C-alpha atoms as a PDB file:
ATOM      1  CA  UNK A   1    -141.371 -39.581  86.876  1.00  0.00           C
ATOM      2  CA  UNK A   2    -142.251 -43.258  86.385  1.00  0.00           C
ATOM      3  CA  UNK A   3    -144.687 -44.296  83.689  1.00  0.00           C
ATOM      4  CA  UNK A   4    -146.697 -47.486  83.369  1.00  0.00           C
ATOM      5  CA  UNK A   5    -147.083 -48.684  79.806  1.00  0.00           C
ATOM      6  CA  UNK A   6    -149.424 -51.639  79.371  1.00  0.00           C
ATOM      7  CA  UNK A   7    -148.526 -53.770  76.341  1.00  0.00           C
ATOM      8  CA  UNK A   8    -150.941 -56.421  75.098  1.00  0.00           C
ATOM      9  CA  UNK A   9    -150.096 -58.457  71.988  1.00  0.00           C
ATOM     10  CA  UNK A  10    -147.243 -56.118  71.088  1.00  0.00           C
ATOM     11  CA  UNK A  11    -149.269 -52.883  71.075  1.00  0.00           C
ATOM     12  CA  UNK A  12    -149.164 -50.242  73.796  1.00  0.00           C
ATOM     13  CA  UNK A  13    -152.684 -49.889  75.206  1.00  0.00           C
ATOM     14  CA  UNK A  14    -152.443 -47.097  77.777  1.00  0.00           C
ATOM     15  CA  UNK A  15    -150.010 -45.116  79.896  1.00  0.00           C
ATOM     16  CA  UNK A  16    -150.273 -43.396  83.230  1.00  0.00           C
ATOM     17  CA  UNK A  17    -148.060 -41.836  85.861  1.00  0.00           C
ATOM     18  CA  UNK A  18    -146.860 -44.126  88.625  1.00  0.00           C
ATOM     19  CA  UNK A  19    -146.174 -43.240  92.210  1.00  0.00           C
ATOM     20  CA  UNK A  20    -143.462 -44.895  94.274  1.00  0.00           C
ATOM     21  CA  UNK A  21    -144.988 -47.062  97.004  1.00  0.00           C
ATOM     22  CA  UNK A  22    -142.691 -48.311  99.783  1.00  0.00           C
ATOM     23  CA  UNK A  23    -143.230 -51.994 100.587  1.00  0.00           C
ATOM     24  CA  UNK A  24    -142.120 -54.137 103.529  1.00  0.00           C
ATOM     25  CA  UNK A  25    -141.203 -57.324 101.633  1.00  0.00           C
ATOM     26  CA  UNK A  26    -141.048 -58.314  97.984  1.00  0.00           C
ATOM     27  CA  UNK A  27    -142.526 -61.796  97.550  1.00  0.00           C
ATOM     28  CA  UNK A  28    -142.784 -63.757  94.300  1.00  0.00           C
ATOM     29  CA  UNK A  29    -144.182 -67.052  93.086  1.00  0.00           C
ATOM     30  CA  UNK A  30    -142.779 -68.129  89.711  1.00  0.00           C
ATOM     31  CA  UNK A  31    -144.192 -71.135  87.837  1.00  0.00           C
ATOM     32  CA  UNK A  32    -142.555 -72.424  84.657  1.00  0.00           C
ATOM     33  CA  UNK A  33    -144.214 -75.355  82.873  1.00  0.00           C
ATOM     34  CA  UNK A  34    -142.659 -76.813  79.716  1.00  0.00           C
ATOM     35  CA  UNK A  35    -142.601 -80.612  79.801  1.00  0.00           C
ATOM     36  CA  UNK A  36    -146.205 -81.323  78.886  1.00  0.00           C
ATOM     37  CA  UNK A  37    -147.097 -84.829  77.758  1.00  0.00           C
ATOM     38  CA  UNK A  38    -148.599 -83.208  74.672  1.00  0.00           C
ATOM     39  CA  UNK A  39    -147.207 -79.975  73.256  1.00  0.00           C
ATOM     40  CA  UNK A  40    -143.818 -79.576  74.958  1.00  0.00           C
ATOM     41  CA  UNK A  41    -142.587 -75.999  75.043  1.00  0.00           C
ATOM     42  CA  UNK A  42    -139.031 -74.663  74.630  1.00  0.00           C
ATOM     43  CA  UNK A  43    -139.035 -71.398  76.565  1.00  0.00           C
ATOM     44  CA  UNK A  44    -141.034 -71.512  79.827  1.00  0.00           C
ATOM     45  CA  UNK A  45    -138.310 -73.030  82.005  1.00  0.00           C
ATOM     46  CA  UNK A  46    -135.731 -70.556  80.702  1.00  0.00           C
ATOM     47  CA  UNK A  47    -138.223 -67.695  81.113  1.00  0.00           C
ATOM     48  CA  UNK A  48    -139.024 -68.766  84.689  1.00  0.00           C
ATOM     49  CA  UNK A  49    -135.319 -69.010  85.543  1.00  0.00           C
ATOM     50  CA  UNK A  50    -134.637 -65.576  84.036  1.00  0.00           C
ATOM     51  CA  UNK A  51    -137.595 -64.123  85.958  1.00  0.00           C
ATOM     52  CA  UNK A  52    -136.385 -65.742  89.181  1.00  0.00           C
ATOM     53  CA  UNK A  53    -132.845 -64.330  88.757  1.00  0.00           C
ATOM     54  CA  UNK A  54    -134.140 -60.874  87.892  1.00  0.00           C
ATOM     55  CA  UNK A  55    -136.556 -60.761  90.810  1.00  0.00           C
ATOM     56  CA  UNK A  56    -133.843 -61.897  93.245  1.00  0.00           C
ATOM     57  CA  UNK A  57    -131.559 -59.080  92.050  1.00  0.00           C
ATOM     58  CA  UNK A  58    -134.448 -56.697  92.779  1.00  0.00           C
ATOM     59  CA  UNK A  59    -134.689 -57.941  96.361  1.00  0.00           C
ATOM     60  CA  UNK A  60    -137.557 -60.417  96.020  1.00  0.00           C
ATOM     61  CA  UNK A  61    -137.928 -63.604  98.035  1.00  0.00           C
ATOM     62  CA  UNK A  62    -138.757 -66.029  95.220  1.00  0.00           C
ATOM     63  CA  UNK A  63    -140.444 -69.418  95.262  1.00  0.00           C
ATOM     64  CA  UNK A  64    -140.022 -71.151  91.912  1.00  0.00           C
ATOM     65  CA  UNK A  65    -141.690 -74.337  90.777  1.00  0.00           C
ATOM     66  CA  UNK A  66    -140.949 -76.014  87.488  1.00  0.00           C
ATOM     67  CA  UNK A  67    -143.059 -78.475  85.526  1.00  0.00           C
ATOM     68  CA  UNK A  68    -145.795 -78.432  88.135  1.00  0.00           C
ATOM     69  CA  UNK A  69    -148.849 -80.648  88.120  1.00  0.00           C
ATOM     70  CA  UNK A  70    -152.270 -79.312  89.114  1.00  0.00           C
ATOM     71  CA  UNK A  71    -151.928 -80.152  92.810  1.00  0.00           C
ATOM     72  CA  UNK A  72    -148.454 -78.579  93.009  1.00  0.00           C
ATOM     73  CA  UNK A  73    -149.678 -75.378  91.317  1.00  0.00           C
ATOM     74  CA  UNK A  74    -152.693 -75.063  93.623  1.00  0.00           C
ATOM     75  CA  UNK A  75    -150.648 -75.850  96.755  1.00  0.00           C
ATOM     76  CA  UNK A  76    -147.949 -73.329  95.788  1.00  0.00           C
ATOM     77  CA  UNK A  77    -150.545 -70.622  95.156  1.00  0.00           C
ATOM     78  CA  UNK A  78    -152.325 -71.264  98.460  1.00  0.00           C
ATOM     79  CA  UNK A  79    -149.051 -71.292 100.397  1.00  0.00           C
ATOM     80  CA  UNK A  80    -147.832 -68.137  98.662  1.00  0.00           C
ATOM     81  CA  UNK A  81    -151.065 -66.231  99.334  1.00  0.00           C
ATOM     82  CA  UNK A  82    -151.219 -67.409 102.969  1.00  0.00           C
ATOM     83  CA  UNK A  83    -147.689 -66.135 103.578  1.00  0.00           C
ATOM     84  CA  UNK A  84    -148.363 -62.583 102.366  1.00  0.00           C
ATOM     85  CA  UNK A  85    -148.457 -59.841 104.983  1.00  0.00           C
ATOM     86  CA  UNK A  86    -149.652 -56.273 105.150  1.00  0.00           C
ATOM     87  CA  UNK A  87    -147.208 -54.055 103.321  1.00  0.00           C
ATOM     88  CA  UNK A  88    -145.858 -56.774 100.990  1.00  0.00           C
ATOM     89  CA  UNK A  89    -145.463 -56.604  97.242  1.00  0.00           C
ATOM     90  CA  UNK A  90    -146.879 -59.853  95.788  1.00  0.00           C
ATOM     91  CA  UNK A  91    -145.719 -60.935  92.326  1.00  0.00           C
ATOM     92  CA  UNK A  92    -147.153 -64.011  90.568  1.00  0.00           C
ATOM     93  CA  UNK A  93    -145.628 -65.202  87.286  1.00  0.00           C
ATOM     94  CA  UNK A  94    -146.752 -68.128  85.128  1.00  0.00           C
ATOM     95  CA  UNK A  95    -145.068 -69.341  81.959  1.00  0.00           C
ATOM     96  CA  UNK A  96    -146.475 -72.319  80.054  1.00  0.00           C
ATOM     97  CA  UNK A  97    -149.587 -73.381  78.170  1.00  0.00           C
ATOM     98  CA  UNK A  98    -152.666 -71.227  78.642  1.00  0.00           C
ATOM     99  CA  UNK A  99    -156.247 -71.568  77.487  1.00  0.00           C
ATOM    100  CA  UNK A 100    -159.127 -69.161  77.070  1.00  0.00           C
ATOM    101  CA  UNK A 101    -162.596 -70.662  77.180  1.00  0.00           C
ATOM    102  CA  UNK A 102    -165.749 -68.549  77.394  1.00  0.00           C
ATOM    103  CA  UNK A 103    -163.773 -65.437  78.397  1.00  0.00           C
ATOM    104  CA  UNK A 104    -161.986 -67.271  81.245  1.00  0.00           C
ATOM    105  CA  UNK A 105    -158.253 -67.914  81.381  1.00  0.00           C
ATOM    106  CA  UNK A 106    -156.766 -71.245  82.432  1.00  0.00           C
ATOM    107  CA  UNK A 107    -153.153 -71.962  83.423  1.00  0.00           C
ATOM    108  CA  UNK A 108    -152.308 -75.479  82.287  1.00  0.00           C
ATOM    109  CA  UNK A 109    -150.361 -77.862  84.558  1.00  0.00           C
ATOM    110  CA  UNK A 110    -147.988 -80.385  82.990  1.00  0.00           C
ATOM    111  CA  UNK A 111    -150.264 -83.309  83.886  1.00  0.00           C
ATOM    112  CA  UNK A 112    -153.251 -81.941  81.944  1.00  0.00           C
ATOM    113  CA  UNK A 113    -154.504 -84.525  79.457  1.00  0.00           C
ATOM    114  CA  UNK A 114    -158.013 -83.208  78.911  1.00  0.00           C
ATOM    115  CA  UNK A 115    -159.644 -82.941  75.542  1.00  0.00           C
ATOM    116  CA  UNK A 116    -162.633 -80.752  76.338  1.00  0.00           C
ATOM    117  CA  UNK A 117    -163.713 -77.517  77.964  1.00  0.00           C
ATOM    118  CA  UNK A 118    -165.112 -79.460  80.910  1.00  0.00           C
ATOM    119  CA  UNK A 119    -161.758 -81.151  81.494  1.00  0.00           C
ATOM    120  CA  UNK A 120    -160.063 -77.750  81.531  1.00  0.00           C
ATOM    121  CA  UNK A 121    -162.417 -76.462  84.231  1.00  0.00           C
ATOM    122  CA  UNK A 122    -161.491 -79.295  86.597  1.00  0.00           C
ATOM    123  CA  UNK A 123    -157.890 -80.087  85.676  1.00  0.00           C
ATOM    124  CA  UNK A 124    -156.276 -76.656  85.247  1.00  0.00           C
ATOM    125  CA  UNK A 125    -155.734 -73.632  87.466  1.00  0.00           C
ATOM    126  CA  UNK A 126    -158.187 -70.911  86.520  1.00  0.00           C
ATOM    127  CA  UNK A 127    -156.603 -67.450  86.485  1.00  0.00           C
ATOM    128  CA  UNK A 128    -159.587 -65.981  88.377  1.00  0.00           C
ATOM    129  CA  UNK A 129    -158.742 -67.684  91.703  1.00  0.00           C
ATOM    130  CA  UNK A 130    -155.107 -66.627  91.302  1.00  0.00           C
ATOM    131  CA  UNK A 131    -156.229 -63.018  90.940  1.00  0.00           C
ATOM    132  CA  UNK A 132    -158.746 -63.381  93.778  1.00  0.00           C
ATOM    133  CA  UNK A 133    -156.196 -64.903  96.162  1.00  0.00           C
ATOM    134  CA  UNK A 134    -153.875 -61.970  95.494  1.00  0.00           C
ATOM    135  CA  UNK A 135    -156.688 -59.430  95.895  1.00  0.00           C
ATOM    136  CA  UNK A 136    -157.837 -61.015  99.173  1.00  0.00           C
ATOM    137  CA  UNK A 137    -154.314 -61.012 100.585  1.00  0.00           C
ATOM    138  CA  UNK A 138    -153.127 -58.201 102.847  1.00  0.00           C
ATOM    139  CA  UNK A 139    -150.360 -57.352 100.345  1.00  0.00           C
ATOM    140  CA  UNK A 140    -150.086 -53.661  99.525  1.00  0.00           C
ATOM    141  CA  UNK A 141    -149.146 -54.184  95.864  1.00  0.00           C
ATOM    142  CA  UNK A 142    -150.186 -57.182  93.760  1.00  0.00           C
ATOM    143  CA  UNK A 143    -148.871 -58.087  90.311  1.00  0.00           C
ATOM    144  CA  UNK A 144    -150.012 -60.968  88.106  1.00  0.00           C
ATOM    145  CA  UNK A 145    -148.069 -61.815  84.945  1.00  0.00           C
ATOM    146  CA  UNK A 146    -149.249 -64.549  82.575  1.00  0.00           C
ATOM    147  CA  UNK A 147    -146.709 -65.474  79.905  1.00  0.00           C
ATOM    148  CA  UNK A 148    -148.704 -68.251  78.269  1.00  0.00           C
ATOM    149  CA  UNK A 149    -148.482 -69.591  74.745  1.00  0.00           C
ATOM    150  CA  UNK A 150    -151.542 -68.884  72.647  1.00  0.00           C
ATOM    151  CA  UNK A 151    -152.009 -72.060  70.660  1.00  0.00           C
ATOM    152  CA  UNK A 152    -155.143 -74.169  70.619  1.00  0.00           C
ATOM    153  CA  UNK A 153    -154.709 -77.059  73.051  1.00  0.00           C
ATOM    154  CA  UNK A 154    -157.720 -79.213  72.144  1.00  0.00           C
ATOM    155  CA  UNK A 155    -158.243 -81.467  69.138  1.00  0.00           C
ATOM    156  CA  UNK A 156    -159.737 -79.741  66.112  1.00  0.00           C
ATOM    157  CA  UNK A 157    -162.988 -81.645  66.576  1.00  0.00           C
ATOM    158  CA  UNK A 158    -163.730 -80.112  69.976  1.00  0.00           C
ATOM    159  CA  UNK A 159    -165.595 -76.875  70.573  1.00  0.00           C
ATOM    160  CA  UNK A 160    -162.922 -75.214  72.701  1.00  0.00           C
ATOM    161  CA  UNK A 161    -163.392 -71.647  71.556  1.00  0.00           C
ATOM    162  CA  UNK A 162    -160.463 -69.309  71.024  1.00  0.00           C
ATOM    163  CA  UNK A 163    -156.894 -70.373  71.653  1.00  0.00           C
ATOM    164  CA  UNK A 164    -154.586 -68.681  74.107  1.00  0.00           C
ATOM    165  CA  UNK A 165    -155.637 -66.205  76.789  1.00  0.00           C
ATOM    166  CA  UNK A 166    -158.457 -63.666  76.957  1.00  0.00           C
ATOM    167  CA  UNK A 167    -157.477 -60.035  77.435  1.00  0.00           C
END
């Protein structure tokens, strides 16, 4: 028997039995952003490469983009979602800076230079459209993994809300 264990912030939240679902193709989009103009990160490129290698060994067709700007992230997502077919397993992975503002999650591109909540809304990729694009796709199984750092990305004087990602 397979079990799903959901872990959030290091604590197991819930478990349930899993059933094996046969899929036609295993498709993945992996984004690793590390070389930000402000707040460079050490691990996202290594994490994205490790994810890419692991997924390939599991039979996935993987598209990987590294140090993507906003336009590249949006284009890759749209292309990935448009290429999904009925019966596919769709896997989206993001590693890099993330923000949570007013209960919404934002995936930060390397060209983000904003200093306010408004800038984040227009210059980052909101996690909601990522989820929606996957849900609207004909894929049979859809997985979304956000491996984003949880530090505050705005100056202390701004009213950015909580750092990191919302649950």
